[in-house]
Amino acid sequence: MTDEIIFTGSDPTVDRQTRRLAASGRLRKIHSSIYTSNLTEPLDSIGLRHALEIAGHLFPGAVLSGRTAKQMHPSRALGQD
């Protein structure tokens, strides 16, 4: 697993592997079904960088529009506007 964000819930084998890696300290849990391989950065920084991916996982089919979509753009969250 080389991705910074790992989502669980779609494959039982991957879910077990992810839980084992988290238990051994090789992954950190962000949410009940979201983990990160980044062990050094603060979780809020990782969450901001991946906010739209995380929202898509937690709220499948949701649509952001107008002001919400503009405010949630990852570059704005990181002050790169």
Protein backbone atom coordinates (compact mmCIF):
# COMPACT_ATOMS: atom_id res chain seq x y z
CA MET A 1 0.00 0.00 0.00
CA THR A 2 1.63 3.21 -1.13
CA ASP A 3 -1.38 5.55 -1.09
CA GLU A 4 -1.44 8.19 1.61
CA ILE A 5 -5.18 7.63 2.18
CA ILE A 6 -6.65 4.13 2.42
CA PHE A 7 -10.41 3.55 2.48
CA THR A 8 -11.85 0.35 3.90
CA GLY A 9 -15.22 -1.27 3.50
CA SER A 10 -15.16 -2.62 -0.03
CA ASP A 11 -12.88 -5.67 0.25
CA PRO A 12 -12.72 -7.82 3.42
CA THR A 13 -9.15 -8.95 2.66
CA VAL A 14 -7.90 -5.38 2.29
CA ASP A 15 -9.87 -4.37 5.39
CA ARG A 16 -8.13 -7.05 7.51
CA GLN A 17 -4.72 -6.11 6.13
CA THR A 18 -5.40 -2.43 6.84
CA ARG A 19 -6.49 -3.13 10.42
CA ARG A 20 -3.35 -5.22 11.01
CA LEU A 21 -1.12 -2.45 9.66
CA ALA A 22 -2.88 0.08 11.89
CA ALA A 23 -2.50 -2.17 14.93
CA SER A 24 1.22 -2.53 14.21
CA GLY A 25 1.65 1.24 13.93
CA ARG A 26 2.32 1.33 10.18
CA LEU A 27 -0.95 3.19 9.47
CA ARG A 28 -2.91 5.78 11.42
CA LYS A 29 -6.69 5.81 11.68
CA ILE A 30 -8.40 9.03 10.58
CA HIS A 31 -11.97 7.76 10.79
CA SER A 32 -13.67 4.39 11.22
CA SER A 33 -13.09 3.51 7.56
CA ILE A 34 -10.21 5.85 6.65
CA TYR A 35 -6.51 5.36 7.34
CA THR A 36 -3.30 7.11 6.35
CA SER A 37 0.21 5.85 5.73
CA ASN A 38 1.58 9.29 6.63
CA LEU A 39 2.88 8.83 10.16
CA THR A 40 4.48 12.24 10.59
CA GLU A 41 2.10 15.00 9.48
CA PRO A 42 -0.76 16.20 11.68
CA LEU A 43 -4.03 14.45 10.82
CA ASP A 44 -5.78 17.76 10.17
CA SER A 45 -3.25 18.62 7.43
CA ILE A 46 -3.75 15.24 5.79
CA GLY A 47 -7.53 15.61 6.12
CA LEU A 48 -7.51 19.03 4.47
CA ARG A 49 -5.36 17.84 1.60
CA HIS A 50 -7.72 14.92 0.94
CA ALA A 51 -10.99 16.60 2.03
CA LEU A 52 -12.87 15.96 -1.19
CA GLU A 53 -11.76 12.31 -1.40
CA ILE A 54 -12.79 11.76 2.21
CA ALA A 55 -16.15 13.49 1.69
CA GLY A 56 -16.75 11.32 -1.38
CA HIS A 57 -16.07 8.19 0.66
CA LEU A 58 -18.22 9.21 3.62
CA PHE A 59 -21.08 10.65 1.54
CA PRO A 60 -21.22 8.73 -1.75
CA GLY A 61 -23.35 10.44 -4.36
CA ALA A 62 -23.29 13.79 -2.57
CA VAL A 63 -22.94 16.89 -4.71
CA LEU A 64 -21.13 20.06 -3.68
CA SER A 65 -22.16 23.14 -5.58
CA GLY A 66 -21.80 26.88 -5.59
CA ARG A 67 -20.23 28.39 -2.50
CA THR A 68 -19.65 25.04 -0.78
CA ALA A 69 -17.74 23.63 -3.75
CA LYS A 70 -15.65 26.77 -4.06
CA GLN A 71 -14.81 26.87 -0.35
CA MET A 72 -13.96 23.17 -0.23
CA HIS A 73 -11.46 23.29 -3.10
CA PRO A 74 -8.27 21.66 -1.74
CA SER A 75 -6.01 24.52 -2.82
CA ARG A 76 -8.14 26.99 -0.85
CA ALA A 77 -8.03 24.76 2.23
CA LEU A 78 -4.26 24.84 2.09
CA GLY A 79 -4.07 28.58 1.44
CA GLN A 80 -2.84 28.17 -2.14
CA ASP A 81 -5.55 30.27 -3.78
